[in-house]
């Protein structure tokens, strides 16, 4: 296999992105061509099977994830009849393992988690895609030709492709917001370092910023992204490259533990955060005006909830509340960016026992067209959306769409690339500036992107070796050890935060290192080192992620101006 260098791959990908935006949301005849081609000349559509995530969101009036208005639309408009198998989102691994073990796994498996897909490859359960793409594809083949990074990411150790994927918008996954009205009242400034973050949080917890005469406020919450400011503490991703050698970053763990422990010991955070597994209590405290600095997930799906739904609720509860975005504070270990959405994401594999590769490929081509991507994101034109001033879809009836689109998400089309849909596929185009709350969300999104651009330009580091989805899965004989180490080291992290002065961060790190050694950590480190040495020049790394952010900057700024 001839390996494409990362630089060439990224330049090619960036070029397609810009060309796609110029094409914008125009029509494409590929969808119609595909819809007419997949019947092997018999005049009858072939039948394939595919999985779809079930997140428990579909209303009873809509049917089931296996049979509803969108599965009907797909089968009426696509080149195949698709029989869907619902996979519970939180039980994906168990469900897929059961399906493969029983010999009843569908032809096309949609799955995000590489730790579920990689073992299927190791077990030779997957079909290589190269011949299928070369013989039967038009749309997806062109996507690969124009974006070699996607092909490189899908290629396994035997030199063949085993996954379909997509190109995503490279945007922050988390955000920190602060009560600017509390800062103003206490005559404080936005924290720029982790020490300043601690000082501001302490003041918010102790100086009665809500003016009710009670000590009932929290400085901040232990929420999404808080470990990123210390370089991340995900055990499988905690390495740094030192002259080609991977070194485990135990210092990141220790710095985070020391920070969180101080907050806990001094009552600056909610001491029940340990049991708040889904962040529901932290969100309620924030909405009730009791939290000064809020760490929250704010990716594509959550941005509007934060700036439209939640901000409105906060203002209803606290009319004077004013929120601003806080760039990641600089830690003693350096300046880190927030976690960034995976820009090159692998999302589907094919069962090796699938009987009709041609039909599968034509279905993938159908899913890859702009028309299909738009419909399976926004619904039907004239029924669910109409073109706004920019030509991009604006919802007609939000309440109707909650029922009829609320379960749609991207789950029926997990391989649609943002570059294929042009500017209308970028989140910035989804805001209607004629509505004040959406204009605010758009303005804040622009501000958040500018913060990310500035951090990258100033040399901030990515909080991990690379995006976790581009790391390999350790061999089966080490997998249980890795999982046990993750669990026990996570427990020690919590223990260190809540156990007071008797259990110091230093002591916790020493015990963690002992556990890592106990669970074959040296062998796991050696596995990652071997993979890194062989693949670091082709796998997606932080510099490449940052380059994609820069490549998409022109598009974002054009939409947001």
Protein backbone atom coordinates (compact mmCIF):
# COMPACT_ATOMS: atom_id res chain seq x y z
CA UNK A 1 0.00 0.00 0.00
CA UNK A 2 1.30 3.46 -0.85
CA UNK A 3 0.82 5.66 2.17
CA UNK A 4 -0.43 9.19 1.71
CA UNK A 5 1.42 11.70 3.87
CA UNK A 6 -0.69 13.60 6.34
CA UNK A 7 0.20 16.93 4.77
CA UNK A 8 -0.94 15.88 1.28
CA UNK A 9 -4.09 14.34 2.70
CA UNK A 10 -5.00 17.46 4.59
CA UNK A 11 -4.33 19.78 1.67
CA UNK A 12 -6.54 17.64 -0.54
CA UNK A 13 -9.26 17.51 2.10
CA UNK A 14 -9.14 21.26 2.64
CA UNK A 15 -9.42 21.90 -1.09
CA UNK A 16 -12.56 19.78 -1.37
CA UNK A 17 -14.07 21.51 1.63
CA UNK A 18 -13.70 24.91 0.01
CA UNK A 19 -15.00 23.68 -3.34
CA UNK A 20 -17.98 22.06 -1.66
CA UNK A 21 -18.92 25.32 -0.01
CA UNK A 22 -18.80 27.12 -3.33
CA UNK A 23 -21.21 24.51 -4.62
CA UNK A 24 -23.26 25.12 -1.44
CA UNK A 25 -26.59 23.38 -1.18
CA UNK A 26 -27.20 22.81 -4.86
CA UNK A 27 -28.84 19.82 -6.46
CA UNK A 28 -26.97 16.64 -7.25
CA UNK A 29 -28.20 14.01 -9.69
CA UNK A 30 -26.30 11.19 -7.99
CA UNK A 31 -29.18 10.51 -5.62
CA UNK A 32 -31.57 9.94 -8.51
CA UNK A 33 -29.01 7.88 -10.43
CA UNK A 34 -28.31 5.71 -7.38
CA UNK A 35 -31.99 5.25 -6.68
CA UNK A 36 -32.44 3.71 -10.10
CA UNK A 37 -29.37 1.47 -10.27
CA UNK A 38 -29.46 -1.12 -7.50
CA UNK A 39 -31.59 -3.95 -8.81
CA UNK A 40 -29.12 -6.02 -10.91
CA UNK A 41 -31.35 -5.45 -13.94
CA UNK A 42 -34.34 -7.25 -12.47
CA UNK A 43 -36.49 -4.17 -12.01
CA UNK A 44 -36.82 -4.98 -8.32
CA UNK A 45 -34.91 -3.31 -5.53
CA UNK A 46 -32.53 -5.58 -3.64
CA UNK A 47 -32.93 -5.93 0.12
CA UNK A 48 -30.16 -5.33 2.65
CA UNK A 49 -30.13 -5.05 6.43
CA UNK A 50 -28.63 -2.30 8.60
CA UNK A 51 -28.45 -1.27 12.23
CA UNK A 52 -29.73 2.00 13.65
CA UNK A 53 -29.17 3.36 17.14
CA UNK A 54 -32.19 3.50 19.43
CA UNK A 55 -31.80 6.34 21.92
CA UNK A 56 -35.31 6.03 23.32
CA UNK A 57 -36.39 9.32 21.73
CA UNK A 58 -39.07 8.23 19.27
CA UNK A 59 -42.69 9.10 20.09
CA UNK A 60 -45.21 6.27 20.01
CA UNK A 61 -47.11 8.09 17.28
CA UNK A 62 -44.07 7.82 15.02
CA UNK A 63 -43.67 4.03 15.31
CA UNK A 64 -40.36 2.41 16.14
CA UNK A 65 -36.76 3.05 15.10
CA UNK A 66 -37.13 0.08 12.77
CA UNK A 67 -40.32 1.31 11.09
CA UNK A 68 -41.33 4.98 10.88
CA UNK A 69 -41.72 7.84 8.42
CA UNK A 70 -37.95 8.00 7.78
CA UNK A 71 -37.38 4.32 7.21
CA UNK A 72 -40.29 4.53 4.78
CA UNK A 73 -38.72 7.56 3.06
CA UNK A 74 -35.40 5.75 2.76
CA UNK A 75 -36.98 2.69 1.21
CA UNK A 76 -39.13 4.72 -1.16
CA UNK A 77 -36.34 7.01 -2.34
CA UNK A 78 -33.24 4.87 -2.05
CA UNK A 79 -31.82 2.16 -4.31
CA UNK A 80 -32.52 -0.65 -1.84
CA UNK A 81 -35.09 -1.93 0.59
CA UNK A 82 -33.47 -1.70 4.00
CA UNK A 83 -34.49 -3.89 6.92
CA UNK A 84 -33.45 -2.06 10.07
CA UNK A 85 -32.32 -3.61 13.37
CA UNK A 86 -32.48 -1.24 16.36
CA UNK A 87 -29.46 -1.24 18.67
CA UNK A 88 -29.91 0.39 22.10
CA UNK A 89 -27.37 3.23 22.21
CA UNK A 90 -26.14 2.37 25.70
CA UNK A 91 -25.98 -1.37 25.03
CA UNK A 92 -24.39 -1.34 21.61
CA UNK A 93 -21.49 -3.66 22.44
CA UNK A 94 -23.66 -6.33 24.03
CA UNK A 95 -26.27 -6.20 21.25
CA UNK A 96 -23.74 -6.42 18.41
CA UNK A 97 -21.79 -9.21 20.08
CA UNK A 98 -25.03 -11.17 20.45
CA UNK A 99 -25.99 -10.58 16.81
CA UNK A 100 -22.60 -11.70 15.50
CA UNK A 101 -22.45 -14.69 17.83
CA UNK A 102 -25.85 -15.88 16.61
CA UNK A 103 -25.01 -15.32 12.95
CA UNK A 104 -27.80 -12.75 12.60
CA UNK A 105 -25.80 -9.53 12.40
CA UNK A 106 -27.09 -7.15 9.70
CA UNK A 107 -25.16 -6.44 6.52
CA UNK A 108 -24.28 -2.86 7.39
CA UNK A 109 -23.31 -1.98 10.96
CA UNK A 110 -23.38 1.67 12.04
CA UNK A 111 -21.19 2.18 15.11
CA UNK A 112 -19.05 5.03 16.44
CA UNK A 113 -16.94 3.17 19.03
CA UNK A 114 -13.65 1.80 17.63
CA UNK A 115 -13.37 -0.46 20.68
CA UNK A 116 -16.42 -2.30 19.37
CA UNK A 117 -15.40 -2.35 15.70
CA UNK A 118 -11.69 -3.13 16.05
CA UNK A 119 -12.28 -6.52 17.73
CA UNK A 120 -14.66 -7.41 14.89
CA UNK A 121 -11.79 -6.79 12.48
CA UNK A 122 -9.42 -8.86 14.61
CA UNK A 123 -11.99 -11.69 14.60
CA UNK A 124 -12.25 -11.45 10.78
CA UNK A 125 -15.95 -10.64 11.01
CA UNK A 126 -15.72 -7.70 8.59
CA UNK A 127 -15.66 -7.44 4.80
CA UNK A 128 -12.89 -5.38 3.15
CA UNK A 129 -14.38 -2.50 1.19
CA UNK A 130 -11.81 -1.73 -1.51
CA UNK A 131 -13.31 -3.91 -4.26
CA UNK A 132 -16.84 -2.89 -3.35
CA UNK A 133 -15.96 0.80 -3.62
CA UNK A 134 -13.91 0.44 -6.80
CA UNK A 135 -16.52 -1.63 -8.65
CA UNK A 136 -19.82 -0.12 -7.55
CA UNK A 137 -19.34 3.35 -6.05
CA UNK A 138 -19.46 6.81 -7.59
CA UNK A 139 -20.26 9.32 -4.84
CA UNK A 140 -18.36 7.76 -1.96
CA UNK A 141 -15.41 6.87 -4.20
CA UNK A 142 -15.12 10.54 -5.19
CA UNK A 143 -15.19 11.54 -1.51
CA UNK A 144 -12.23 9.23 -0.83
CA UNK A 145 -10.32 10.48 -3.85
CA UNK A 146 -10.71 14.07 -2.75
CA UNK A 147 -10.01 13.32 0.92
CA UNK A 148 -7.16 10.81 1.30
CA UNK A 149 -7.20 11.31 5.07
CA UNK A 150 -10.54 9.46 5.18
CA UNK A 151 -9.10 6.54 3.22
CA UNK A 152 -6.00 6.45 5.40
CA UNK A 153 -8.08 6.35 8.58
CA UNK A 154 -10.18 3.45 7.23
CA UNK A 155 -7.18 1.33 6.24
CA UNK A 156 -6.19 -1.48 8.60
CA UNK A 157 -2.88 -3.26 9.12
CA UNK A 158 -3.41 -5.55 6.11
CA UNK A 159 -3.55 -2.52 3.80
CA UNK A 160 -7.29 -2.77 3.07
CA UNK A 161 -10.17 -0.49 4.02
CA UNK A 162 -12.73 -1.89 6.42
CA UNK A 163 -14.78 1.15 7.44
CA UNK A 164 -16.95 3.78 5.85
CA UNK A 165 -16.67 7.21 7.40
CA UNK A 166 -17.35 10.92 7.11
CA UNK A 167 -15.76 14.33 7.44
CA UNK A 168 -17.11 16.38 10.32
CA UNK A 169 -17.08 20.01 11.25
CA UNK A 170 -14.11 20.53 13.57
CA UNK A 171 -15.62 22.45 16.50
CA UNK A 172 -15.22 22.51 20.30
CA UNK A 173 -17.03 19.77 22.21
CA UNK A 174 -17.13 21.55 25.57
CA UNK A 175 -17.37 25.09 26.82
CA UNK A 176 -16.88 26.99 30.09
CA UNK A 177 -19.36 29.74 30.88
CA UNK A 178 -19.18 32.16 33.79
CA UNK A 179 -21.64 34.41 35.58
CA UNK A 180 -20.34 37.76 34.39
CA UNK A 181 -22.77 39.53 36.72
CA UNK A 182 -21.09 37.78 39.67
CA UNK A 183 -17.65 38.80 38.41
CA UNK A 184 -18.82 42.41 38.16
CA UNK A 185 -20.44 42.40 41.59
CA UNK A 186 -17.31 41.02 43.28
CA UNK A 187 -15.01 43.19 41.13
CA UNK A 188 -13.19 40.18 39.70
CA UNK A 189 -11.84 39.47 36.22
CA UNK A 190 -12.15 36.43 33.96
CA UNK A 191 -9.64 33.79 35.13
CA UNK A 192 -6.76 33.15 32.75
CA UNK A 193 -4.89 30.51 34.76
CA UNK A 194 -5.98 27.56 36.87
CA UNK A 195 -4.82 29.42 39.99
CA UNK A 196 -7.05 32.36 39.04
CA UNK A 197 -9.84 29.89 38.29
CA UNK A 198 -9.52 28.56 41.83
CA UNK A 199 -9.50 32.08 43.33
CA UNK A 200 -12.60 33.17 41.39
CA UNK A 201 -14.44 29.94 42.20
CA UNK A 202 -13.57 30.39 45.89
CA UNK A 203 -14.95 33.91 45.86
CA UNK A 204 -18.15 32.72 44.18
CA UNK A 205 -18.62 30.09 46.89
CA UNK A 206 -17.76 32.30 49.86
CA UNK A 207 -18.68 35.93 49.11
CA UNK A 208 -22.45 35.62 48.62
CA UNK A 209 -22.55 36.64 44.94
CA UNK A 210 -26.32 36.13 44.72
CA UNK A 211 -26.86 38.48 47.65
CA UNK A 212 -29.28 36.30 49.63
CA UNK A 213 -27.20 36.38 52.80
CA UNK A 214 -26.56 32.62 52.73
CA UNK A 215 -23.55 30.49 51.85
CA UNK A 216 -25.41 28.41 49.28
CA UNK A 217 -23.52 28.91 46.00
CA UNK A 218 -20.90 26.80 44.25
CA UNK A 219 -17.80 28.13 42.56
CA UNK A 220 -17.91 25.63 39.71
CA UNK A 221 -18.97 22.11 38.79
CA UNK A 222 -16.87 19.06 37.99
CA UNK A 223 -18.19 18.77 34.46
CA UNK A 224 -17.23 17.99 30.85
CA UNK A 225 -13.92 19.50 29.83
CA UNK A 226 -12.55 20.27 33.28
CA UNK A 227 -9.76 17.70 32.90
CA UNK A 228 -8.88 19.14 29.47
CA UNK A 229 -7.39 22.24 31.06
CA UNK A 230 -4.79 19.93 32.64
CA UNK A 231 -4.11 18.10 29.39
CA UNK A 232 -6.72 15.38 29.81
CA UNK A 233 -6.69 12.39 32.13
CA UNK A 234 -8.14 9.66 29.92
CA UNK A 235 -5.89 6.72 30.74
CA UNK A 236 -5.87 5.30 27.18
CA UNK A 237 -4.87 8.67 25.73
CA UNK A 238 -2.41 10.00 28.31
CA UNK A 239 0.84 10.01 26.40
CA UNK A 240 3.15 12.71 25.14
CA UNK A 241 5.71 12.35 22.36
CA UNK A 242 9.25 12.97 23.60
CA UNK A 243 11.58 12.57 20.61
CA UNK A 244 9.46 9.76 19.20
CA UNK A 245 9.02 7.96 22.51
CA UNK A 246 5.62 7.87 24.17
CA UNK A 247 5.78 8.92 27.82
CA UNK A 248 2.77 8.49 30.09
CA UNK A 249 1.63 11.81 31.56
CA UNK A 250 1.09 11.02 35.22
CA UNK A 251 1.69 14.70 35.96
CA UNK A 252 -1.64 15.52 34.29
CA UNK A 253 -3.45 13.22 36.73
CA UNK A 254 -1.66 14.69 39.72
CA UNK A 255 -2.34 18.31 38.77
CA UNK A 256 -6.04 17.64 38.21
CA UNK A 257 -6.40 15.70 41.46
CA UNK A 258 -4.69 18.46 43.44
CA UNK A 259 -6.97 21.09 41.88
CA UNK A 260 -10.21 19.17 42.41
CA UNK A 261 -9.18 18.10 45.91
CA UNK A 262 -8.66 21.71 46.97
CA UNK A 263 -12.08 22.67 45.62
CA UNK A 264 -13.68 19.75 47.46
CA UNK A 265 -11.90 20.29 50.76
CA UNK A 266 -12.84 23.97 50.84
CA UNK A 267 -16.49 23.42 49.90
CA UNK A 268 -16.16 25.26 46.60
CA UNK A 269 -17.87 22.48 44.65
CA UNK A 270 -20.92 20.35 45.34
CA UNK A 271 -19.69 17.44 47.48
CA UNK A 272 -22.36 15.22 45.93
CA UNK A 273 -20.75 15.50 42.49
CA UNK A 274 -19.62 11.87 42.75
CA UNK A 275 -23.18 10.57 42.49
CA UNK A 276 -24.22 13.05 39.78
CA UNK A 277 -23.34 10.64 37.00
CA UNK A 278 -25.19 12.39 34.17
CA UNK A 279 -24.68 15.96 35.36
CA UNK A 280 -28.41 16.51 35.98
CA UNK A 281 -27.93 18.01 39.45
CA UNK A 282 -25.10 20.27 38.28
CA UNK A 283 -27.30 21.55 35.47
CA UNK A 284 -30.18 22.19 37.86
CA UNK A 285 -27.91 24.09 40.24
CA UNK A 286 -26.70 26.20 37.31
CA UNK A 287 -30.26 26.89 36.11
CA UNK A 288 -31.29 27.87 39.63
CA UNK A 289 -28.49 30.43 39.74
CA UNK A 290 -26.34 28.61 42.27
CA UNK A 291 -23.20 27.91 40.19
CA UNK A 292 -20.76 30.59 39.07
CA UNK A 293 -18.63 28.71 36.55
CA UNK A 294 -20.28 25.98 34.48
CA UNK A 295 -18.36 23.31 32.60
CA UNK A 296 -20.74 21.81 30.06
CA UNK A 297 -20.83 19.79 26.88
CA UNK A 298 -21.69 22.15 24.04
CA UNK A 299 -21.19 20.34 20.76
CA UNK A 300 -23.48 20.55 17.74
CA UNK A 301 -26.44 19.03 19.55
CA UNK A 302 -26.02 20.84 22.87
CA UNK A 303 -25.16 24.38 21.80
CA UNK A 304 -28.74 25.55 21.34
CA UNK A 305 -29.80 23.94 24.60
CA UNK A 306 -27.19 25.98 26.45
CA UNK A 307 -27.73 29.35 24.81
CA UNK A 308 -31.45 29.19 24.03
CA UNK A 309 -33.21 26.81 26.41
CA UNK A 310 -30.94 26.90 29.47
CA UNK A 311 -30.03 30.57 29.30
CA UNK A 312 -33.71 31.50 29.08
CA UNK A 313 -34.45 29.32 32.11
CA UNK A 314 -31.56 30.87 34.06
CA UNK A 315 -32.78 34.38 33.24
CA UNK A 316 -36.32 33.47 34.27
CA UNK A 317 -34.97 32.30 37.64
CA UNK A 318 -32.38 35.06 37.97
CA UNK A 319 -33.36 38.06 35.79
CA UNK A 320 -29.98 39.76 36.15
CA UNK A 321 -27.91 36.73 35.13
CA UNK A 322 -25.30 37.41 32.45
CA UNK A 323 -23.18 34.65 30.90
CA UNK A 324 -19.86 34.89 29.11
CA UNK A 325 -17.52 32.26 27.68
CA UNK A 326 -14.22 31.52 29.44
CA UNK A 327 -11.28 30.30 27.33
CA UNK A 328 -9.52 27.31 28.87
CA UNK A 329 -7.32 28.68 31.67
CA UNK A 330 -3.60 27.93 31.48
CA UNK A 331 -2.45 25.19 33.85
CA UNK A 332 1.04 24.64 35.33
CA UNK A 333 1.49 22.07 32.54
CA UNK A 334 0.77 24.60 29.79
CA UNK A 335 -2.10 25.87 27.70
CA UNK A 336 -4.51 23.30 26.28
CA UNK A 337 -7.38 23.65 23.86
CA UNK A 338 -10.83 22.27 24.54
CA UNK A 339 -11.63 18.84 23.14
CA UNK A 340 -12.42 19.09 19.42
CA UNK A 341 -14.95 17.05 17.49
CA UNK A 342 -13.34 14.24 15.49
CA UNK A 343 -13.03 15.72 11.96
CA UNK A 344 -12.35 12.36 10.26
CA UNK A 345 -14.73 9.83 11.77
CA UNK A 346 -15.24 6.16 10.92
CA UNK A 347 -18.83 5.11 11.46
CA UNK A 348 -19.83 1.93 9.57
CA UNK A 349 -18.57 -1.56 8.77
CA UNK A 350 -19.87 -4.40 6.60
CA UNK A 351 -20.57 -7.91 7.82
CA UNK A 352 -18.26 -10.35 6.01
CA UNK A 353 -21.30 -12.60 5.40
CA UNK A 354 -23.24 -9.89 3.53
CA UNK A 355 -24.60 -11.34 0.27
CA UNK A 356 -24.97 -8.23 -1.89
CA UNK A 357 -21.98 -5.83 -1.72
CA UNK A 358 -23.27 -3.94 -4.76
CA UNK A 359 -26.56 -3.08 -3.05
CA UNK A 360 -24.75 -2.06 0.13
CA UNK A 361 -22.44 0.22 -1.82
CA UNK A 362 -25.29 1.83 -3.72
CA UNK A 363 -27.07 2.47 -0.42
CA UNK A 364 -23.92 4.09 0.99
CA UNK A 365 -23.70 6.26 -2.14
CA UNK A 366 -27.35 7.24 -1.67
CA UNK A 367 -26.67 8.23 1.95
CA UNK A 368 -23.65 10.28 0.82
CA UNK A 369 -25.58 12.63 -1.48
CA UNK A 370 -26.50 16.20 -0.45
CA UNK A 371 -30.24 15.58 -0.89
CA UNK A 372 -30.27 12.55 1.36
CA UNK A 373 -28.05 14.22 3.93
CA UNK A 374 -30.29 17.29 4.02
CA UNK A 375 -33.50 15.28 4.32
CA UNK A 376 -32.20 12.96 7.04
CA UNK A 377 -31.05 16.00 9.00
CA UNK A 378 -33.75 18.63 8.44
CA UNK A 379 -36.75 16.71 7.13
CA UNK A 380 -38.86 17.47 4.05
CA UNK A 381 -38.74 20.89 2.39
CA UNK A 382 -42.07 22.67 2.70
CA UNK A 383 -43.18 20.33 5.45
CA UNK A 384 -40.45 20.62 8.07
CA UNK A 385 -38.31 23.47 6.74
CA UNK A 386 -38.12 26.27 4.24
CA UNK A 387 -35.10 28.07 2.84
CA UNK A 388 -34.02 31.07 4.88
CA UNK A 389 -32.21 34.21 3.77
CA UNK A 390 -28.99 32.26 3.26
CA UNK A 391 -30.74 29.50 1.30
CA UNK A 392 -30.27 27.05 4.16
CA UNK A 393 -33.11 25.21 5.95
CA UNK A 394 -35.07 27.05 8.63
CA UNK A 395 -37.64 25.08 10.68
CA UNK A 396 -41.30 25.82 9.91
CA UNK A 397 -42.86 24.44 13.10
CA UNK A 398 -40.51 23.64 15.99
CA UNK A 399 -43.13 21.69 17.95
CA UNK A 400 -44.04 19.54 14.97
CA UNK A 401 -40.37 18.94 14.29
CA UNK A 402 -39.72 17.84 17.87
CA UNK A 403 -42.06 14.91 17.30
CA UNK A 404 -41.27 14.10 13.68
CA UNK A 405 -37.54 14.90 13.65
CA UNK A 406 -36.62 14.62 17.31
CA UNK A 407 -35.45 11.02 17.00
CA UNK A 408 -33.80 11.49 13.61
CA UNK A 409 -30.49 13.06 14.54
CA UNK A 410 -27.81 11.54 12.35
CA UNK A 411 -28.57 7.95 13.25
CA UNK A 412 -29.99 6.90 9.87
CA UNK A 413 -27.13 8.58 8.06
CA UNK A 414 -23.91 8.34 10.01
CA UNK A 415 -21.71 8.59 6.92
CA UNK A 416 -22.83 11.95 5.54
CA UNK A 417 -19.87 14.35 5.31
CA UNK A 418 -20.15 18.02 6.10
CA UNK A 419 -18.19 18.86 2.94
CA UNK A 420 -20.80 17.06 0.85
CA UNK A 421 -23.57 19.33 2.08
CA UNK A 422 -21.71 22.60 1.62
CA UNK A 423 -22.19 25.52 3.98
CA UNK A 424 -25.71 24.44 4.92
CA UNK A 425 -24.25 21.43 6.72
CA UNK A 426 -22.25 23.65 9.07
CA UNK A 427 -23.84 24.42 12.42
CA UNK A 428 -23.42 28.17 11.94
CA UNK A 429 -25.99 28.01 9.11
CA UNK A 430 -28.62 26.51 11.39
CA UNK A 431 -29.20 29.72 13.35
CA UNK A 432 -31.99 32.08 12.33
CA UNK A 433 -30.64 35.57 13.11
CA UNK A 434 -34.16 37.02 12.83
CA UNK A 435 -34.95 35.36 16.16
CA UNK A 436 -33.18 37.09 19.09
CA UNK A 437 -32.40 33.89 21.00
CA UNK A 438 -30.93 32.21 17.91
CA UNK A 439 -28.95 35.35 17.06
CA UNK A 440 -27.44 35.16 20.55
CA UNK A 441 -26.58 31.48 20.03
CA UNK A 442 -24.97 32.35 16.70
CA UNK A 443 -22.96 35.22 18.21
CA UNK A 444 -21.75 33.00 21.04
CA UNK A 445 -20.84 30.26 18.59
CA UNK A 446 -18.76 32.78 16.63
CA UNK A 447 -17.07 33.91 19.84
CA UNK A 448 -16.32 30.31 20.80
CA UNK A 449 -14.75 29.58 17.42
CA UNK A 450 -12.62 32.73 17.64
CA UNK A 451 -11.35 31.56 21.03
CA UNK A 452 -10.34 28.23 19.50
CA UNK A 453 -8.61 29.89 16.52
CA UNK A 454 -6.64 32.16 18.86
CA UNK A 455 -5.57 29.29 21.12
CA UNK A 456 -4.31 27.26 18.17
CA UNK A 457 -2.48 30.28 16.73
CA UNK A 458 -0.83 30.85 20.12
CA UNK A 459 0.48 27.29 20.30
CA UNK A 460 -1.98 25.65 22.69
CA UNK A 461 -1.70 21.86 22.97
CA UNK A 462 -4.38 19.24 22.33
CA UNK A 463 -5.57 17.49 25.55
CA UNK A 464 -4.42 14.01 24.56
CA UNK A 465 -2.09 12.18 22.19
CA UNK A 466 -4.75 12.44 19.46
CA UNK A 467 -8.50 12.08 19.18
CA UNK A 468 -9.38 8.91 21.06
CA UNK A 469 -11.26 7.44 18.07
CA UNK A 470 -7.97 7.30 16.14
CA UNK A 471 -6.23 5.18 18.76
CA UNK A 472 -6.04 1.41 18.28
CA UNK A 473 -7.72 -1.12 20.55
CA UNK A 474 -5.23 -3.11 22.61
CA UNK A 475 -4.98 -6.87 21.89
CA UNK A 476 -7.64 -9.07 23.45
CA UNK A 477 -5.20 -10.58 25.96
CA UNK A 478 -4.54 -7.11 27.40
CA UNK A 479 -8.03 -5.64 27.07
CA UNK A 480 -9.35 -6.85 30.43
CA UNK A 481 -6.20 -5.59 32.14
CA UNK A 482 -6.63 -2.18 30.54
CA UNK A 483 -10.29 -2.03 31.57
CA UNK A 484 -9.47 -3.07 35.16
CA UNK A 485 -6.72 -0.48 35.35
CA UNK A 486 -9.09 2.20 34.04
CA UNK A 487 -11.71 1.31 36.65
CA UNK A 488 -9.38 1.10 39.63
CA UNK A 489 -7.38 4.20 38.72
CA UNK A 490 -10.66 6.08 38.28
CA UNK A 491 -11.68 4.96 41.76
CA UNK A 492 -8.35 6.13 43.16
CA UNK A 493 -8.86 9.52 41.50
CA UNK A 494 -12.18 9.93 43.30
CA UNK A 495 -10.70 8.64 46.56
CA UNK A 496 -7.87 11.16 46.36
CA UNK A 497 -10.29 14.05 45.80
CA UNK A 498 -12.62 13.24 48.71
CA UNK A 499 -10.34 11.66 51.32
CA UNK A 500 -8.86 14.74 52.94
CA UNK A 501 -5.26 15.39 53.91
CA UNK A 502 -4.47 11.76 54.72
CA UNK A 503 -4.52 10.70 51.08
CA UNK A 504 -2.40 13.09 49.04
CA UNK A 505 -2.26 13.43 45.25
CA UNK A 506 1.33 12.19 45.38
CA UNK A 507 0.29 9.05 47.24
CA UNK A 508 -2.56 8.49 44.79
CA UNK A 509 -0.22 8.72 41.79
CA UNK A 510 2.19 6.25 43.38
CA UNK A 511 -0.65 3.78 43.88
CA UNK A 512 -1.91 4.38 40.33
CA UNK A 513 1.53 3.61 38.91
CA UNK A 514 1.59 0.41 40.98
CA UNK A 515 -1.81 -0.58 39.59
CA UNK A 516 -0.70 0.17 36.07
CA UNK A 517 2.27 -2.14 36.51
CA UNK A 518 0.06 -4.81 38.12
CA UNK A 519 -2.27 -4.78 35.11
CA UNK A 520 0.45 -5.19 32.48
CA UNK A 521 0.75 -1.47 31.91
CA UNK A 522 4.26 -1.85 30.53
CA UNK A 523 2.99 -4.23 27.85
CA UNK A 524 0.13 -1.86 27.04
CA UNK A 525 2.59 1.04 26.76
CA UNK A 526 4.77 -1.08 24.47
CA UNK A 527 1.76 -1.87 22.27
CA UNK A 528 0.92 1.82 21.85
CA UNK A 529 4.59 2.63 21.22
CA UNK A 530 4.81 0.04 18.44
CA UNK A 531 1.61 1.34 16.87
CA UNK A 532 2.76 4.95 17.17
CA UNK A 533 6.16 4.31 15.62
CA UNK A 534 4.56 2.56 12.65
CA UNK A 535 1.63 4.96 12.12
CA UNK A 536 2.47 8.43 13.43
CA UNK A 537 3.10 9.76 9.92
CA UNK A 538 -0.29 8.66 8.57
CA UNK A 539 -2.69 8.62 11.52
CA UNK A 540 -4.62 11.78 12.36
CA UNK A 541 -2.67 13.72 15.00
CA UNK A 542 -3.32 17.04 16.80
CA UNK A 543 -1.46 19.14 14.21
CA UNK A 544 -3.75 17.66 11.56
CA UNK A 545 -6.87 18.36 13.62
CA UNK A 546 -5.71 21.95 14.09
CA UNK A 547 -5.04 22.25 10.35
CA UNK A 548 -8.57 21.11 9.56
CA UNK A 549 -9.92 23.72 12.00
CA UNK A 550 -7.91 26.33 10.09
CA UNK A 551 -9.04 24.97 6.72
CA UNK A 552 -12.68 25.34 7.78
CA UNK A 553 -12.15 28.81 9.24
CA UNK A 554 -12.88 30.62 5.97
CA UNK A 555 -16.19 28.80 5.66
CA UNK A 556 -17.16 29.48 9.26
CA UNK A 557 -16.32 33.15 9.02
CA UNK A 558 -18.27 33.50 5.78
CA UNK A 559 -21.35 32.00 7.42
CA UNK A 560 -20.97 33.91 10.68
CA UNK A 561 -20.27 37.37 9.26
